[in-house]
Amino acid sequence: MWLMTYIGACFNALSLVILCWVSFFTVPVLYEKNQHLVDRMVGDMVKKVRAALNDVYASIEPKVQTGLDRMPPSVRNAFSQIIGSKPADKIH
């Protein structure tokens, strides 16, 4: 929301419409001319984001598992199905 306010302060509506219209026809042509470069750059960014997310998940997962171990078995089973970890022992 803050970003939209900042953009609105810099441009009026007609300028934004014109910029979007020009971009609508320019960006596809630029992509076609530089497709191999763009695809490589996007692929590199995706690899970096996935690596960062894997690091975050690796640091969070033990904490979540510790929290699950403290929960009652019925609640633990429900959360285990959502996050894909091992379910608790069945309640008899």
PDB file of N, CA and C in Angstrom:
ATOM      1  N   MET A   1       0.825  -1.177   0.000  1.00  0.00           N
ATOM      2  CA  MET A   1       0.000   0.000   0.000  1.00  0.00           C
ATOM      3  C   MET A   1       0.878   1.252   0.000  1.00  0.00           C
ATOM      4  N   TRP A   2       1.938   1.215   0.804  1.00  0.00           N
ATOM      5  CA  TRP A   2       2.829   2.365   0.857  1.00  0.00           C
ATOM      6  C   TRP A   2       3.461   2.607  -0.500  1.00  0.00           C
ATOM      7  N   LEU A   3       3.819   1.544  -1.213  1.00  0.00           N
ATOM      8  CA  LEU A   3       4.435   1.666  -2.526  1.00  0.00           C
ATOM      9  C   LEU A   3       3.483   2.335  -3.515  1.00  0.00           C
ATOM     10  N   MET A   4       2.227   1.961  -3.470  1.00  0.00           N
ATOM     11  CA  MET A   4       1.242   2.570  -4.364  1.00  0.00           C
ATOM     12  C   MET A   4       1.091   4.065  -4.077  1.00  0.00           C
ATOM     13  N   THR A   5       1.138   4.449  -2.809  1.00  0.00           N
ATOM     14  CA  THR A   5       1.057   5.856  -2.441  1.00  0.00           C
ATOM     15  C   THR A   5       2.259   6.617  -2.981  1.00  0.00           C
ATOM     16  N   TYR A   6       3.431   6.032  -2.868  1.00  0.00           N
ATOM     17  CA  TYR A   6       4.647   6.667  -3.362  1.00  0.00           C
ATOM     18  C   TYR A   6       4.603   6.825  -4.876  1.00  0.00           C
ATOM     19  N   ILE A   7       4.182   5.780  -5.582  1.00  0.00           N
ATOM     20  CA  ILE A   7       4.078   5.854  -7.044  1.00  0.00           C
ATOM     21  C   ILE A   7       3.034   6.893  -7.439  1.00  0.00           C
ATOM     22  N   GLY A   8       1.917   6.925  -6.737  1.00  0.00           N
ATOM     23  CA  GLY A   8       0.877   7.900  -7.026  1.00  0.00           C
ATOM     24  C   GLY A   8       1.342   9.325  -6.798  1.00  0.00           C
ATOM     25  N   ALA A   9       2.248   9.523  -5.862  1.00  0.00           N
ATOM     26  CA  ALA A   9       2.775  10.864  -5.617  1.00  0.00           C
ATOM     27  C   ALA A   9       3.727  11.297  -6.729  1.00  0.00           C
ATOM     28  N   CYS A  10       4.379  10.358  -7.371  1.00  0.00           N
ATOM     29  CA  CYS A  10       5.347  10.685  -8.425  1.00  0.00           C
ATOM     30  C   CYS A  10       4.696  10.828  -9.798  1.00  0.00           C
ATOM     31  N   PHE A  11       3.613  10.112 -10.051  1.00  0.00           N
ATOM     32  CA  PHE A  11       2.971  10.104 -11.365  1.00  0.00           C
ATOM     33  C   PHE A  11       1.486  10.367 -11.213  1.00  0.00           C
ATOM     34  N   ASN A  12       0.889  10.978 -12.245  1.00  0.00           N
ATOM     35  CA  ASN A  12      -0.568  11.052 -12.236  1.00  0.00           C
ATOM     36  C   ASN A  12      -1.119   9.839 -12.981  1.00  0.00           C
ATOM     37  N   ALA A  13      -2.420   9.668 -12.998  1.00  0.00           N
ATOM     38  CA  ALA A  13      -3.035   8.461 -13.554  1.00  0.00           C
ATOM     39  C   ALA A  13      -2.778   8.326 -15.043  1.00  0.00           C
ATOM     40  N   LEU A  14      -2.844   9.430 -15.780  1.00  0.00           N
ATOM     41  CA  LEU A  14      -2.640   9.357 -17.222  1.00  0.00           C
ATOM     42  C   LEU A  14      -1.213   8.918 -17.557  1.00  0.00           C
ATOM     43  N   SER A  15      -0.233   9.387 -16.796  1.00  0.00           N
ATOM     44  CA  SER A  15       1.152   8.971 -17.019  1.00  0.00           C
ATOM     45  C   SER A  15       1.316   7.480 -16.765  1.00  0.00           C
ATOM     46  N   LEU A  16       0.695   6.968 -15.705  1.00  0.00           N
ATOM     47  CA  LEU A  16       0.773   5.533 -15.423  1.00  0.00           C
ATOM     48  C   LEU A  16       0.113   4.711 -16.515  1.00  0.00           C
ATOM     49  N   VAL A  17      -1.015   5.176 -17.033  1.00  0.00           N
ATOM     50  CA  VAL A  17      -1.693   4.461 -18.121  1.00  0.00           C
ATOM     51  C   VAL A  17      -0.799   4.423 -19.355  1.00  0.00           C
ATOM     52  N   ILE A  18      -0.179   5.545 -19.696  1.00  0.00           N
ATOM     53  CA  ILE A  18       0.699   5.587 -20.862  1.00  0.00           C
ATOM     54  C   ILE A  18       1.908   4.678 -20.669  1.00  0.00           C
ATOM     55  N   LEU A  19       2.526   4.701 -19.479  1.00  0.00           N
ATOM     56  CA  LEU A  19       3.667   3.828 -19.213  1.00  0.00           C
ATOM     57  C   LEU A  19       3.279   2.352 -19.314  1.00  0.00           C
ATOM     58  N   CYS A  20       2.126   1.998 -18.779  1.00  0.00           N
ATOM     59  CA  CYS A  20       1.660   0.604 -18.868  1.00  0.00           C
ATOM     60  C   CYS A  20       1.387   0.214 -20.311  1.00  0.00           C
ATOM     61  N   TRP A  21       0.795   1.121 -21.084  1.00  0.00           N
ATOM     62  CA  TRP A  21       0.484   0.840 -22.489  1.00  0.00           C
ATOM     63  C   TRP A  21       1.763   0.610 -23.296  1.00  0.00           C
ATOM     64  N   VAL A  22       2.748   1.464 -23.110  1.00  0.00           N
ATOM     65  CA  VAL A  22       4.015   1.312 -23.821  1.00  0.00           C
ATOM     66  C   VAL A  22       4.721   0.034 -23.372  1.00  0.00           C
ATOM     67  N   SER A  23       4.718  -0.253 -22.075  1.00  0.00           N
ATOM     68  CA  SER A  23       5.350  -1.471 -21.557  1.00  0.00           C
ATOM     69  C   SER A  23       4.664  -2.722 -22.082  1.00  0.00           C
ATOM     70  N   PHE A  24       3.350  -2.643 -22.225  1.00  0.00           N
ATOM     71  CA  PHE A  24       2.578  -3.788 -22.702  1.00  0.00           C
ATOM     72  C   PHE A  24       3.067  -4.265 -24.063  1.00  0.00           C
ATOM     73  N   PHE A  25       3.496  -3.329 -24.922  1.00  0.00           N
ATOM     74  CA  PHE A  25       3.955  -3.703 -26.255  1.00  0.00           C
ATOM     75  C   PHE A  25       5.473  -3.817 -26.357  1.00  0.00           C
ATOM     76  N   THR A  26       6.207  -3.223 -25.434  1.00  0.00           N
ATOM     77  CA  THR A  26       7.663  -3.225 -25.511  1.00  0.00           C
ATOM     78  C   THR A  26       8.285  -4.434 -24.833  1.00  0.00           C
ATOM     79  N   VAL A  27       7.786  -4.813 -23.673  1.00  0.00           N
ATOM     80  CA  VAL A  27       8.391  -5.895 -22.894  1.00  0.00           C
ATOM     81  C   VAL A  27       8.396  -7.228 -23.650  1.00  0.00           C
ATOM     82  N   PRO A  28       7.320  -7.634 -24.315  1.00  0.00           N
ATOM     83  CA  PRO A  28       7.388  -8.913 -25.046  1.00  0.00           C
ATOM     84  C   PRO A  28       8.448  -8.929 -26.152  1.00  0.00           C
ATOM     85  N   VAL A  29       8.621  -7.808 -26.842  1.00  0.00           N
ATOM     86  CA  VAL A  29       9.628  -7.749 -27.904  1.00  0.00           C
ATOM     87  C   VAL A  29      11.030  -7.849 -27.300  1.00  0.00           C
ATOM     88  N   LEU A  30      11.257  -7.136 -26.220  1.00  0.00           N
ATOM     89  CA  LEU A  30      12.560  -7.217 -25.555  1.00  0.00           C
ATOM     90  C   LEU A  30      12.834  -8.622 -25.040  1.00  0.00           C
ATOM     91  N   TYR A  31      11.801  -9.287 -24.520  1.00  0.00           N
ATOM     92  CA  TYR A  31      11.974 -10.664 -24.035  1.00  0.00           C
ATOM     93  C   TYR A  31      12.329 -11.599 -25.185  1.00  0.00           C
ATOM     94  N   GLU A  32      11.655 -11.457 -26.314  1.00  0.00           N
ATOM     95  CA  GLU A  32      11.947 -12.331 -27.453  1.00  0.00           C
ATOM     96  C   GLU A  32      13.377 -12.155 -27.945  1.00  0.00           C
ATOM     97  N   LYS A  33      13.869 -10.928 -27.926  1.00  0.00           N
ATOM     98  CA  LYS A  33      15.228 -10.667 -28.397  1.00  0.00           C
ATOM     99  C   LYS A  33      16.281 -11.159 -27.413  1.00  0.00           C
ATOM    100  N   ASN A  34      15.965 -11.151 -26.120  1.00  0.00           N
ATOM    101  CA  ASN A  34      16.932 -11.513 -25.078  1.00  0.00           C
ATOM    102  C   ASN A  34      16.447 -12.683 -24.230  1.00  0.00           C
ATOM    103  N   GLN A  35      15.705 -13.593 -24.828  1.00  0.00           N
ATOM    104  CA  GLN A  35      15.080 -14.678 -24.077  1.00  0.00           C
ATOM    105  C   GLN A  35      16.100 -15.543 -23.352  1.00  0.00           C
ATOM    106  N   HIS A  36      17.184 -15.907 -23.986  1.00  0.00           N
ATOM    107  CA  HIS A  36      18.174 -16.779 -23.347  1.00  0.00           C
ATOM    108  C   HIS A  36      18.808 -16.102 -22.137  1.00  0.00           C
ATOM    109  N   LEU A  37      19.091 -14.816 -22.245  1.00  0.00           N
ATOM    110  CA  LEU A  37      19.684 -14.083 -21.132  1.00  0.00           C
ATOM    111  C   LEU A  37      18.702 -13.939 -19.966  1.00  0.00           C
ATOM    112  N   VAL A  38      17.458 -13.583 -20.300  1.00  0.00           N
ATOM    113  CA  VAL A  38      16.436 -13.403 -19.259  1.00  0.00           C
ATOM    114  C   VAL A  38      16.157 -14.730 -18.569  1.00  0.00           C
ATOM    115  N   ASP A  39      16.019 -15.793 -19.338  1.00  0.00           N
ATOM    116  CA  ASP A  39      15.747 -17.107 -18.743  1.00  0.00           C
ATOM    117  C   ASP A  39      16.872 -17.555 -17.816  1.00  0.00           C
ATOM    118  N   ARG A  40      18.109 -17.283 -18.215  1.00  0.00           N
ATOM    119  CA  ARG A  40      19.245 -17.655 -17.371  1.00  0.00           C
ATOM    120  C   ARG A  40      19.244 -16.846 -16.072  1.00  0.00           C
ATOM    121  N   MET A  41      18.975 -15.535 -16.191  1.00  0.00           N
ATOM    122  CA  MET A  41      18.957 -14.685 -14.997  1.00  0.00           C
ATOM    123  C   MET A  41      17.824 -15.083 -14.052  1.00  0.00           C
ATOM    124  N   VAL A  42      16.652 -15.352 -14.598  1.00  0.00           N
ATOM    125  CA  VAL A  42      15.519 -15.767 -13.764  1.00  0.00           C
ATOM    126  C   VAL A  42      15.810 -17.122 -13.138  1.00  0.00           C
ATOM    127  N   GLY A  43      16.413 -18.032 -13.889  1.00  0.00           N
ATOM    128  CA  GLY A  43      16.779 -19.344 -13.349  1.00  0.00           C
ATOM    129  C   GLY A  43      17.749 -19.217 -12.185  1.00  0.00           C
ATOM    130  N   ASP A  44      18.735 -18.321 -12.315  1.00  0.00           N
ATOM    131  CA  ASP A  44      19.684 -18.102 -11.220  1.00  0.00           C
ATOM    132  C   ASP A  44      18.992 -17.533  -9.988  1.00  0.00           C
ATOM    133  N   MET A  45      18.069 -16.593 -10.221  1.00  0.00           N
ATOM    134  CA  MET A  45      17.346 -15.999  -9.080  1.00  0.00           C
ATOM    135  C   MET A  45      16.470 -17.041  -8.395  1.00  0.00           C
ATOM    136  N   VAL A  46      15.826 -17.903  -9.177  1.00  0.00           N
ATOM    137  CA  VAL A  46      14.977 -18.944  -8.601  1.00  0.00           C
ATOM    138  C   VAL A  46      15.813 -19.902  -7.755  1.00  0.00           C
ATOM    139  N   LYS A  47      17.008 -20.255  -8.244  1.00  0.00           N
ATOM    140  CA  LYS A  47      17.886 -21.140  -7.470  1.00  0.00           C
ATOM    141  C   LYS A  47      18.293 -20.496  -6.150  1.00  0.00           C
ATOM    142  N   LYS A  48      18.602 -19.204  -6.176  1.00  0.00           N
ATOM    143  CA  LYS A  48      19.001 -18.503  -4.955  1.00  0.00           C
ATOM    144  C   LYS A  48      17.842 -18.413  -3.970  1.00  0.00           C
ATOM    145  N   VAL A  49      16.639 -18.129  -4.476  1.00  0.00           N
ATOM    146  CA  VAL A  49      15.472 -18.039  -3.600  1.00  0.00           C
ATOM    147  C   VAL A  49      15.161 -19.401  -2.991  1.00  0.00           C
ATOM    148  N   ARG A  50      15.234 -20.452  -3.797  1.00  0.00           N
ATOM    149  CA  ARG A  50      14.975 -21.801  -3.269  1.00  0.00           C
ATOM    150  C   ARG A  50      15.997 -22.191  -2.213  1.00  0.00           C
ATOM    151  N   ALA A  51      17.264 -21.837  -2.444  1.00  0.00           N
ATOM    152  CA  ALA A  51      18.303 -22.143  -1.458  1.00  0.00           C
ATOM    153  C   ALA A  51      18.045 -21.382  -0.159  1.00  0.00           C
ATOM    154  N   ALA A  52      17.648 -20.119  -0.273  1.00  0.00           N
ATOM    155  CA  ALA A  52      17.350 -19.330   0.924  1.00  0.00           C
ATOM    156  C   ALA A  52      16.144 -19.899   1.661  1.00  0.00           C
ATOM    157  N   LEU A  53      15.103 -20.288   0.924  1.00  0.00           N
ATOM    158  CA  LEU A  53      13.922 -20.874   1.560  1.00  0.00           C
ATOM    159  C   LEU A  53      14.254 -22.205   2.228  1.00  0.00           C
ATOM    160  N   ASN A  54      15.086 -23.015   1.588  1.00  0.00           N
ATOM    161  CA  ASN A  54      15.495 -24.282   2.200  1.00  0.00           C
ATOM    162  C   ASN A  54      16.245 -24.038   3.500  1.00  0.00           C
ATOM    163  N   ASP A  55      17.087 -23.003   3.534  1.00  0.00           N
ATOM    164  CA  ASP A  55      17.796 -22.664   4.772  1.00  0.00           C
ATOM    165  C   ASP A  55      16.816 -22.238   5.863  1.00  0.00           C
ATOM    166  N   VAL A  56      15.832 -21.435   5.479  1.00  0.00           N
ATOM    167  CA  VAL A  56      14.832 -20.983   6.455  1.00  0.00           C
ATOM    168  C   VAL A  56      14.028 -22.171   6.965  1.00  0.00           C
ATOM    169  N   TYR A  57      13.572 -23.025   6.036  1.00  0.00           N
ATOM    170  CA  TYR A  57      12.802 -24.195   6.453  1.00  0.00           C
ATOM    171  C   TYR A  57      13.618 -25.114   7.353  1.00  0.00           C
ATOM    172  N   ALA A  58      14.898 -25.267   7.034  1.00  0.00           N
ATOM    173  CA  ALA A  58      15.761 -26.131   7.849  1.00  0.00           C
ATOM    174  C   ALA A  58      15.923 -25.564   9.261  1.00  0.00           C
ATOM    175  N   SER A  59      15.922 -24.257   9.405  1.00  0.00           N
ATOM    176  CA  SER A  59      16.062 -23.679  10.737  1.00  0.00           C
ATOM    177  C   SER A  59      14.737 -23.662  11.497  1.00  0.00           C
ATOM    178  N   ILE A  60      13.621 -23.605  10.770  1.00  0.00           N
ATOM    179  CA  ILE A  60      12.307 -23.537  11.429  1.00  0.00           C
ATOM    180  C   ILE A  60      11.768 -24.923  11.768  1.00  0.00           C
ATOM    181  N   GLU A  61      12.036 -25.914  10.927  1.00  0.00           N
ATOM    182  CA  GLU A  61      11.445 -27.239  11.107  1.00  0.00           C
ATOM    183  C   GLU A  61      11.714 -27.859  12.477  1.00  0.00           C
ATOM    184  N   PRO A  62      12.938 -27.816  13.016  1.00  0.00           N
ATOM    185  CA  PRO A  62      13.137 -28.394  14.349  1.00  0.00           C
ATOM    186  C   PRO A  62      12.312 -27.687  15.429  1.00  0.00           C
ATOM    187  N   LYS A  63      12.138 -26.378  15.292  1.00  0.00           N
ATOM    188  CA  LYS A  63      11.342 -25.637  16.268  1.00  0.00           C
ATOM    189  C   LYS A  63       9.880 -26.037  16.191  1.00  0.00           C
ATOM    190  N   VAL A  64       9.378 -26.219  14.961  1.00  0.00           N
ATOM    191  CA  VAL A  64       7.990 -26.647  14.782  1.00  0.00           C
ATOM    192  C   VAL A  64       7.807 -28.053  15.332  1.00  0.00           C
ATOM    193  N   GLN A  65       8.754 -28.924  15.057  1.00  0.00           N
ATOM    194  CA  GLN A  65       8.661 -30.302  15.548  1.00  0.00           C
ATOM    195  C   GLN A  65       8.675 -30.343  17.072  1.00  0.00           C
ATOM    196  N   THR A  66       9.494 -29.484  17.693  1.00  0.00           N
ATOM    197  CA  THR A  66       9.532 -29.413  19.149  1.00  0.00           C
ATOM    198  C   THR A  66       8.178 -28.969  19.691  1.00  0.00           C
ATOM    199  N   GLY A  67       7.578 -27.974  19.018  1.00  0.00           N
ATOM    200  CA  GLY A  67       6.251 -27.524  19.424  1.00  0.00           C
ATOM    201  C   GLY A  67       5.201 -28.601  19.243  1.00  0.00           C
ATOM    202  N   LEU A  68       5.307 -29.367  18.161  1.00  0.00           N
ATOM    203  CA  LEU A  68       4.359 -30.464  17.932  1.00  0.00           C
ATOM    204  C   LEU A  68       4.496 -31.548  18.989  1.00  0.00           C
ATOM    205  N   ASP A  69       5.714 -31.809  19.423  1.00  0.00           N
ATOM    206  CA  ASP A  69       5.929 -32.849  20.425  1.00  0.00           C
ATOM    207  C   ASP A  69       5.274 -32.494  21.757  1.00  0.00           C
ATOM    208  N   ARG A  70       5.104 -31.210  22.026  1.00  0.00           N
ATOM    209  CA  ARG A  70       4.488 -30.775  23.287  1.00  0.00           C
ATOM    210  C   ARG A  70       2.962 -30.793  23.238  1.00  0.00           C
ATOM    211  N   MET A  71       2.383 -30.908  22.044  1.00  0.00           N
ATOM    212  CA  MET A  71       0.924 -30.844  21.893  1.00  0.00           C
ATOM    213  C   MET A  71       0.286 -32.181  22.224  1.00  0.00           C
ATOM    214  N   PRO A  72      -0.999 -32.149  22.572  1.00  0.00           N
ATOM    215  CA  PRO A  72      -1.732 -33.409  22.761  1.00  0.00           C
ATOM    216  C   PRO A  72      -1.781 -34.191  21.443  1.00  0.00           C
ATOM    217  N   PRO A  73      -1.864 -35.514  21.530  1.00  0.00           N
ATOM    218  CA  PRO A  73      -1.811 -36.337  20.314  1.00  0.00           C
ATOM    219  C   PRO A  73      -2.868 -35.991  19.265  1.00  0.00           C
ATOM    220  N   SER A  74      -4.072 -35.633  19.643  1.00  0.00           N
ATOM    221  CA  SER A  74      -5.110 -35.336  18.647  1.00  0.00           C
ATOM    222  C   SER A  74      -4.764 -34.069  17.860  1.00  0.00           C
ATOM    223  N   VAL A  75      -4.271 -33.064  18.551  1.00  0.00           N
ATOM    224  CA  VAL A  75      -3.871 -31.827  17.876  1.00  0.00           C
ATOM    225  C   VAL A  75      -2.633 -32.081  17.038  1.00  0.00           C
ATOM    226  N   ARG A  76      -1.710 -32.857  17.557  1.00  0.00           N
ATOM    227  CA  ARG A  76      -0.480 -33.177  16.850  1.00  0.00           C
ATOM    228  C   ARG A  76      -0.792 -33.890  15.536  1.00  0.00           C
ATOM    229  N   ASN A  77      -1.758 -34.830  15.555  1.00  0.00           N
ATOM    230  CA  ASN A  77      -2.124 -35.541  14.329  1.00  0.00           C
ATOM    231  C   ASN A  77      -2.673 -34.577  13.282  1.00  0.00           C
ATOM    232  N   ALA A  78      -3.490 -33.623  13.715  1.00  0.00           N
ATOM    233  CA  ALA A  78      -4.062 -32.663  12.775  1.00  0.00           C
ATOM    234  C   ALA A  78      -2.959 -31.813  12.143  1.00  0.00           C
ATOM    235  N   PHE A  79      -2.038 -31.302  12.950  1.00  0.00           N
ATOM    236  CA  PHE A  79      -0.946 -30.494  12.414  1.00  0.00           C
ATOM    237  C   PHE A  79       0.012 -31.342  11.585  1.00  0.00           C
ATOM    238  N   SER A  80       0.214 -32.588  11.951  1.00  0.00           N
ATOM    239  CA  SER A  80       1.121 -33.452  11.205  1.00  0.00           C
ATOM    240  C   SER A  80       0.604 -33.687   9.793  1.00  0.00           C
ATOM    241  N   GLN A  81      -0.711 -33.808   9.657  1.00  0.00           N
ATOM    242  CA  GLN A  81      -1.281 -33.986   8.323  1.00  0.00           C
ATOM    243  C   GLN A  81      -1.086 -32.733   7.484  1.00  0.00           C
ATOM    244  N   ILE A  82      -1.143 -31.573   8.111  1.00  0.00           N
ATOM    245  CA  ILE A  82      -0.986 -30.321   7.375  1.00  0.00           C
ATOM    246  C   ILE A  82       0.455 -30.135   6.928  1.00  0.00           C
ATOM    247  N   ILE A  83       1.420 -30.341   7.814  1.00  0.00           N
ATOM    248  CA  ILE A  83       2.819 -30.057   7.480  1.00  0.00           C
ATOM    249  C   ILE A  83       3.565 -31.278   6.971  1.00  0.00           C
ATOM    250  N   GLY A  84       2.975 -32.448   7.048  1.00  0.00           N
ATOM    251  CA  GLY A  84       3.585 -33.634   6.465  1.00  0.00           C
ATOM    252  C   GLY A  84       4.594 -34.340   7.334  1.00  0.00           C
ATOM    253  N   SER A  85       4.549 -34.168   8.646  1.00  0.00           N
ATOM    254  CA  SER A  85       5.474 -34.887   9.508  1.00  0.00           C
ATOM    255  C   SER A  85       4.807 -36.173  10.006  1.00  0.00           C
ATOM    256  N   LYS A  86       5.527 -36.914  10.848  1.00  0.00           N
ATOM    257  CA  LYS A  86       5.010 -38.185  11.328  1.00  0.00           C
ATOM    258  C   LYS A  86       3.838 -37.952  12.288  1.00  0.00           C
ATOM    259  N   PRO A  87       2.753 -38.702  12.143  1.00  0.00           N
ATOM    260  CA  PRO A  87       1.628 -38.547  13.065  1.00  0.00           C
ATOM    261  C   PRO A  87       1.938 -39.131  14.419  1.00  0.00           C
ATOM    262  N   ALA A  88       1.206 -38.664  15.413  1.00  0.00           N
ATOM    263  CA  ALA A  88       1.380 -39.168  16.785  1.00  0.00           C
ATOM    264  C   ALA A  88       0.698 -40.524  16.905  1.00  0.00           C
ATOM    265  N   ASP A  89       0.948 -41.208  18.022  1.00  0.00           N
ATOM    266  CA  ASP A  89       0.287 -42.476  18.282  1.00  0.00           C
ATOM    267  C   ASP A  89      -1.205 -42.243  18.396  1.00  0.00           C
ATOM    268  N   LYS A  90      -1.985 -43.221  17.962  1.00  0.00           N
ATOM    269  CA  LYS A  90      -3.440 -43.102  18.018  1.00  0.00           C
ATOM    270  C   LYS A  90      -3.910 -43.157  19.466  1.00  0.00           C
ATOM    271  N   ILE A  91      -4.983 -42.389  19.715  1.00  0.00           N
ATOM    272  CA  ILE A  91      -5.582 -42.387  21.054  1.00  0.00           C
ATOM    273  C   ILE A  91      -6.545 -43.562  21.142  1.00  0.00           C
ATOM    274  N   HIS A  92      -6.499 -44.313  22.222  1.00  0.00           N
ATOM    275  CA  HIS A  92      -7.383 -45.468  22.377  1.00  0.00           C
ATOM    276  C   HIS A  92      -8.559 -45.113  23.240  1.00  0.00           C
TER     277      HIS A  92
END
